């Protein structure tokens, strides 16, 4: 019999090279959600860049939050 593989333990062995401010969520959780997103196979996706913003700042700097919501609101209105 083959032993069960613990996915979380396997993913936890991947080195975490994120900066401190990028570690709001566990790396294992981020990887799992990324895998699920890829497996869903959606073609309705887009990447956008906000000039001057680092990713983490899009969660709390008002001008970056506004720019992010300007993109996300129509997307969620269309897809949810």
N, C-alpha and C. Protein backbone atom coordinates (compact mmCIF):
# COMPACT_ATOMS: atom_id res chain seq x y z
N UNK A 1 0.84 -1.18 0.00
CA UNK A 1 0.00 0.00 0.00
C UNK A 1 0.89 1.25 0.00
N UNK A 2 0.55 2.21 -0.82
CA UNK A 2 1.30 3.46 -0.91
C UNK A 2 0.88 4.39 0.22
N UNK A 3 1.83 4.99 0.93
CA UNK A 3 1.46 5.91 2.01
C UNK A 3 0.78 7.16 1.45
N UNK A 4 -0.14 7.69 2.24
CA UNK A 4 -0.84 8.91 1.83
C UNK A 4 0.13 10.08 1.79
N UNK A 5 -0.09 10.96 0.86
CA UNK A 5 0.75 12.15 0.73
C UNK A 5 0.01 13.32 1.33
N UNK A 6 0.67 14.02 2.22
CA UNK A 6 0.09 15.21 2.86
C UNK A 6 0.51 16.42 2.03
N UNK A 7 -0.42 16.94 1.21
CA UNK A 7 -0.11 18.04 0.30
C UNK A 7 0.42 19.26 1.04
N UNK A 8 -0.21 19.61 2.15
CA UNK A 8 0.21 20.80 2.90
C UNK A 8 1.67 20.65 3.36
N UNK A 9 2.04 19.48 3.82
CA UNK A 9 3.42 19.26 4.26
C UNK A 9 4.39 19.36 3.09
N UNK A 10 4.00 18.84 1.95
CA UNK A 10 4.86 18.93 0.77
C UNK A 10 5.04 20.39 0.35
N UNK A 11 3.94 21.14 0.31
CA UNK A 11 4.02 22.54 -0.10
C UNK A 11 4.81 23.37 0.91
N UNK A 12 4.77 22.99 2.16
CA UNK A 12 5.48 23.74 3.20
C UNK A 12 7.00 23.63 3.05
N UNK A 13 7.47 22.67 2.26
CA UNK A 13 8.92 22.54 2.06
C UNK A 13 9.45 23.52 1.01
N UNK A 14 8.57 24.18 0.28
CA UNK A 14 8.99 25.17 -0.72
C UNK A 14 9.50 26.41 0.00
N UNK A 15 10.72 26.86 -0.34
CA UNK A 15 11.25 28.06 0.33
C UNK A 15 10.35 29.28 0.09
N UNK A 16 10.12 30.04 1.13
CA UNK A 16 9.28 31.24 1.04
C UNK A 16 10.18 32.44 0.86
N UNK A 17 10.20 32.98 -0.34
CA UNK A 17 11.10 34.09 -0.66
C UNK A 17 10.38 35.44 -0.68
N UNK A 18 9.17 35.46 -0.13
CA UNK A 18 8.43 36.73 -0.10
C UNK A 18 9.03 37.66 0.94
N UNK A 19 8.89 38.98 0.68
CA UNK A 19 9.31 39.96 1.68
C UNK A 19 8.33 39.89 2.85
N UNK A 20 8.72 40.46 3.98
CA UNK A 20 7.90 40.39 5.19
C UNK A 20 6.49 40.92 4.96
N UNK A 21 6.36 42.04 4.24
CA UNK A 21 5.03 42.62 4.04
C UNK A 21 4.15 41.76 3.13
N UNK A 22 4.75 40.82 2.41
CA UNK A 22 3.99 39.93 1.55
C UNK A 22 3.54 38.66 2.24
N UNK A 23 3.84 38.53 3.51
CA UNK A 23 3.53 37.30 4.24
C UNK A 23 2.28 37.42 5.10
N UNK A 24 1.29 38.15 4.60
CA UNK A 24 0.04 38.30 5.34
C UNK A 24 -0.67 36.94 5.46
N UNK A 25 -0.57 36.13 4.41
CA UNK A 25 -1.21 34.81 4.38
C UNK A 25 -0.13 33.75 4.28
N UNK A 26 -0.43 32.56 4.74
CA UNK A 26 0.55 31.48 4.69
C UNK A 26 0.87 31.15 3.24
N UNK A 27 2.11 30.80 3.00
CA UNK A 27 2.51 30.45 1.64
C UNK A 27 1.75 29.22 1.15
N UNK A 28 1.52 28.25 2.03
CA UNK A 28 0.79 27.05 1.63
C UNK A 28 -0.60 27.42 1.12
N UNK A 29 -1.30 28.29 1.86
CA UNK A 29 -2.64 28.71 1.44
C UNK A 29 -2.62 29.43 0.10
N UNK A 30 -1.64 30.29 -0.10
CA UNK A 30 -1.52 31.03 -1.36
C UNK A 30 -1.28 30.06 -2.51
N UNK A 31 -0.42 29.08 -2.30
CA UNK A 31 -0.14 28.10 -3.36
C UNK A 31 -1.38 27.28 -3.68
N UNK A 32 -2.09 26.83 -2.65
CA UNK A 32 -3.30 26.02 -2.87
C UNK A 32 -4.33 26.81 -3.67
N UNK A 33 -4.58 28.06 -3.26
CA UNK A 33 -5.56 28.87 -3.99
C UNK A 33 -5.10 29.14 -5.42
N UNK A 34 -3.81 29.29 -5.63
CA UNK A 34 -3.27 29.49 -6.98
C UNK A 34 -3.50 28.25 -7.84
N UNK A 35 -3.27 27.08 -7.26
CA UNK A 35 -3.50 25.83 -7.99
C UNK A 35 -4.97 25.69 -8.35
N UNK A 36 -5.85 25.96 -7.41
CA UNK A 36 -7.30 25.87 -7.67
C UNK A 36 -7.69 26.85 -8.78
N UNK A 37 -7.16 28.06 -8.74
CA UNK A 37 -7.48 29.05 -9.77
C UNK A 37 -7.04 28.56 -11.14
N UNK A 38 -5.86 27.96 -11.22
CA UNK A 38 -5.38 27.45 -12.51
C UNK A 38 -6.22 26.27 -12.98
N UNK A 39 -6.62 25.41 -12.07
CA UNK A 39 -7.39 24.23 -12.45
C UNK A 39 -8.80 24.56 -12.93
N UNK A 40 -9.33 25.68 -12.49
CA UNK A 40 -10.67 26.05 -12.94
C UNK A 40 -10.68 26.41 -14.42
N UNK A 41 -9.51 26.76 -14.95
CA UNK A 41 -9.39 26.98 -16.38
C UNK A 41 -10.13 28.18 -16.92
N UNK A 42 -10.35 29.18 -16.12
CA UNK A 42 -11.07 30.35 -16.62
C UNK A 42 -10.29 31.07 -17.70
N UNK A 43 -10.99 31.61 -18.65
CA UNK A 43 -10.34 32.44 -19.67
C UNK A 43 -10.68 33.91 -19.42
N UNK A 44 -11.52 34.16 -18.43
CA UNK A 44 -11.94 35.52 -18.10
C UNK A 44 -11.01 36.07 -17.02
N UNK A 45 -9.86 36.55 -17.46
CA UNK A 45 -8.87 37.04 -16.50
C UNK A 45 -8.08 38.16 -17.15
N UNK A 46 -7.49 38.97 -16.31
CA UNK A 46 -6.65 40.06 -16.80
C UNK A 46 -5.68 40.44 -15.71
N UNK A 47 -4.50 40.88 -16.11
CA UNK A 47 -3.54 41.40 -15.16
C UNK A 47 -3.48 42.90 -15.39
N UNK A 48 -3.44 43.65 -14.32
CA UNK A 48 -3.28 45.09 -14.46
C UNK A 48 -2.29 45.60 -13.45
N UNK A 49 -1.68 46.71 -13.80
CA UNK A 49 -0.65 47.30 -12.97
C UNK A 49 -1.09 48.70 -12.56
N UNK A 50 -0.85 49.02 -11.31
CA UNK A 50 -1.16 50.35 -10.80
C UNK A 50 0.17 51.06 -10.61
N UNK A 51 0.39 52.12 -11.38
CA UNK A 51 1.67 52.83 -11.33
C UNK A 51 2.02 53.24 -9.91
N UNK A 52 3.22 52.89 -9.50
CA UNK A 52 3.74 53.29 -8.20
C UNK A 52 3.36 52.38 -7.05
N UNK A 53 2.46 51.44 -7.26
CA UNK A 53 1.97 50.60 -6.16
C UNK A 53 2.72 49.28 -6.11
N UNK A 54 3.03 48.86 -4.88
CA UNK A 54 3.47 47.48 -4.66
C UNK A 54 2.21 46.69 -4.32
N UNK A 55 2.24 45.41 -4.59
CA UNK A 55 1.04 44.59 -4.40
C UNK A 55 0.39 44.83 -3.04
N UNK A 56 1.15 44.74 -1.98
CA UNK A 56 0.58 44.82 -0.64
C UNK A 56 -0.11 46.16 -0.40
N UNK A 57 0.37 47.21 -1.05
CA UNK A 57 -0.22 48.55 -0.86
C UNK A 57 -1.61 48.66 -1.48
N UNK A 58 -1.94 47.76 -2.39
CA UNK A 58 -3.28 47.81 -2.99
C UNK A 58 -4.37 47.42 -2.00
N UNK A 59 -3.97 46.95 -0.82
CA UNK A 59 -4.94 46.59 0.21
C UNK A 59 -5.24 47.72 1.18
N UNK A 60 -4.39 48.74 1.25
CA UNK A 60 -4.62 49.75 2.30
C UNK A 60 -4.33 51.19 1.91
N UNK A 61 -3.62 51.47 0.82
CA UNK A 61 -3.39 52.86 0.38
C UNK A 61 -4.64 53.30 -0.41
N UNK A 62 -5.36 54.30 0.10
CA UNK A 62 -6.66 54.66 -0.49
C UNK A 62 -6.66 54.82 -2.01
N UNK A 63 -5.70 55.52 -2.58
CA UNK A 63 -5.70 55.72 -4.03
C UNK A 63 -5.50 54.40 -4.79
N UNK A 64 -4.71 53.48 -4.20
CA UNK A 64 -4.50 52.18 -4.84
C UNK A 64 -5.70 51.26 -4.65
N UNK A 65 -6.34 51.35 -3.49
CA UNK A 65 -7.56 50.57 -3.26
C UNK A 65 -8.63 51.01 -4.26
N UNK A 66 -8.78 52.32 -4.43
CA UNK A 66 -9.77 52.83 -5.39
C UNK A 66 -9.49 52.34 -6.80
N UNK A 67 -8.22 52.38 -7.21
CA UNK A 67 -7.86 51.93 -8.56
C UNK A 67 -8.14 50.43 -8.71
N UNK A 68 -7.85 49.67 -7.66
CA UNK A 68 -8.12 48.23 -7.69
C UNK A 68 -9.62 47.96 -7.79
N UNK A 69 -10.40 48.65 -6.98
CA UNK A 69 -11.84 48.43 -6.98
C UNK A 69 -12.47 48.86 -8.31
N UNK A 70 -11.90 49.87 -8.96
CA UNK A 70 -12.40 50.28 -10.28
C UNK A 70 -12.28 49.14 -11.29
N UNK A 71 -11.30 48.29 -11.10
CA UNK A 71 -11.14 47.12 -11.98
C UNK A 71 -11.96 45.93 -11.50
N UNK A 72 -11.99 45.70 -10.20
CA UNK A 72 -12.65 44.50 -9.67
C UNK A 72 -14.17 44.57 -9.67
N UNK A 73 -14.72 45.74 -9.41
CA UNK A 73 -16.18 45.86 -9.30
C UNK A 73 -16.89 45.41 -10.57
N UNK A 74 -16.51 45.90 -11.77
CA UNK A 74 -17.19 45.41 -12.98
C UNK A 74 -16.97 43.92 -13.22
N UNK A 75 -15.78 43.42 -12.88
CA UNK A 75 -15.50 42.00 -13.06
C UNK A 75 -16.43 41.15 -12.21
N UNK A 76 -16.53 41.50 -10.91
CA UNK A 76 -17.40 40.73 -10.03
C UNK A 76 -18.87 40.90 -10.39
N UNK A 77 -19.26 42.07 -10.83
CA UNK A 77 -20.66 42.29 -11.26
C UNK A 77 -20.99 41.38 -12.44
N UNK A 78 -20.02 41.15 -13.30
CA UNK A 78 -20.23 40.33 -14.49
C UNK A 78 -20.16 38.84 -14.18
N UNK A 79 -19.34 38.44 -13.22
CA UNK A 79 -19.06 37.01 -13.04
C UNK A 79 -19.74 36.37 -11.84
N UNK A 80 -20.21 37.15 -10.89
CA UNK A 80 -20.84 36.55 -9.71
C UNK A 80 -22.34 36.55 -9.80
